[in-house]
C-alpha atoms as a PDB file:
ATOM      1  CA  MET A   1      32.075 -20.334   9.811  1.00  0.00           C
ATOM      2  CA  ASN A   2      28.212 -20.406   9.637  1.00  0.00           C
ATOM      3  CA  THR A   3      26.142 -20.422  12.507  1.00  0.00           C
ATOM      4  CA  SER A   4      25.705 -24.325  12.563  1.00  0.00           C
ATOM      5  CA  GLN A   5      29.361 -24.676  12.752  1.00  0.00           C
ATOM      6  CA  GLU A   6      29.766 -21.847  15.499  1.00  0.00           C
ATOM      7  CA  ILE A   7      26.790 -24.013  17.361  1.00  0.00           C
ATOM      8  CA  GLU A   8      28.532 -27.266  17.117  1.00  0.00           C
ATOM      9  CA  ALA A   9      32.189 -25.655  18.051  1.00  0.00           C
ATOM     10  CA  ALA A  10      30.168 -24.239  21.111  1.00  0.00           C
ATOM     11  CA  ILE A  11      28.557 -27.117  22.205  1.00  0.00           C
ATOM     12  CA  GLN A  12      31.838 -29.253  22.186  1.00  0.00           C
ATOM     13  CA  LYS A  13      33.180 -26.956  24.486  1.00  0.00           C
ATOM     14  CA  LEU A  14      30.514 -27.584  27.169  1.00  0.00           C
ATOM     15  CA  PRO A  15      30.948 -29.897  30.137  1.00  0.00           C
ATOM     16  CA  PRO A  16      28.606 -33.146  30.123  1.00  0.00           C
ATOM     17  CA  LYS A  17      25.932 -31.952  32.540  1.00  0.00           C
ATOM     18  CA  GLU A  18      25.653 -28.719  30.264  1.00  0.00           C
ATOM     19  CA  ILE A  19      25.174 -30.946  27.077  1.00  0.00           C
ATOM     20  CA  ASP A  20      22.578 -33.268  28.991  1.00  0.00           C
ATOM     21  CA  VAL A  21      20.490 -30.080  29.728  1.00  0.00           C
ATOM     22  CA  LEU A  22      20.720 -28.775  26.009  1.00  0.00           C
ATOM     23  CA  ALA A  23      19.888 -32.531  24.731  1.00  0.00           C
ATOM     24  CA  ASP A  24      16.828 -32.413  26.824  1.00  0.00           C
ATOM     25  CA  TRP A  25      15.892 -28.844  25.774  1.00  0.00           C
ATOM     26  CA  LEU A  26      16.385 -29.769  22.222  1.00  0.00           C
ATOM     27  CA  ALA A  27      14.121 -32.999  22.550  1.00  0.00           C
ATOM     28  CA  VAL A  28      11.099 -30.905  24.002  1.00  0.00           C
ATOM     29  CA  TYR A  29      11.815 -28.103  21.249  1.00  0.00           C
ATOM     30  CA  ARG A  30      11.703 -30.842  18.332  1.00  0.00           C
ATOM     31  CA  GLU A  31       8.390 -32.150  20.133  1.00  0.00           C
ATOM     32  CA  GLU A  32       6.923 -29.007  20.404  1.00  0.00           C
ATOM     33  CA  MET A  33       7.927 -28.033  16.327  1.00  0.00           C
ATOM     34  CA  TRP A  34       6.158 -31.702  15.721  1.00  0.00           C
ATOM     35  CA  ASP A  35       3.124 -30.323  17.423  1.00  0.00           C
ATOM     36  CA  ARG A  36       2.828 -27.320  15.921  1.00  0.00           C
ATOM     37  CA  GLN A  37       3.173 -28.621  12.464  1.00  0.00           C
ATOM     38  CA  ILE A  38       0.663 -31.178  13.137  1.00  0.00           C
ATOM     39  CA  GLU A  39      -1.761 -28.546  13.902  1.00  0.00           C
ATOM     40  CA  ALA A  40      -1.221 -26.452  10.600  1.00  0.00           C
ATOM     41  CA  ASN A  41      -1.490 -29.542   8.686  1.00  0.00           C
ATOM     42  CA  ALA A  42      -4.899 -30.142  10.276  1.00  0.00           C
ATOM     43  CA  GLN A  43      -5.807 -26.317   9.769  1.00  0.00           C
ATOM     44  CA  ALA A  44      -4.763 -26.650   6.190  1.00  0.00           C
ATOM     45  CA  ALA A  45      -6.871 -29.747   5.946  1.00  0.00           C
ATOM     46  CA  LYS A  46      -9.955 -28.135   7.312  1.00  0.00           C
ATOM     47  CA  GLN A  47      -9.467 -24.776   4.848  1.00  0.00           C
ATOM     48  CA  ALA A  48      -9.012 -27.180   2.061  1.00  0.00           C
ATOM     49  CA  SER A  49     -12.514 -28.805   2.495  1.00  0.00           C
END
C-alpha cells in the first residue's frame, strides 16, 4: 500500500467532525500552495526580463 492509499484508509476511519477539520485544513493548505506558486512565477518572470 502506498502513502496515498494509507492516508485515504485513515481518513475513512475518522469521525465526521475530524473529517471536517481535515477538509478545512486541506483547503487552506491548497490556497497557500497556490499563493507560493504565483509568487514563484512572478519572481521567475522578473528574472527573465
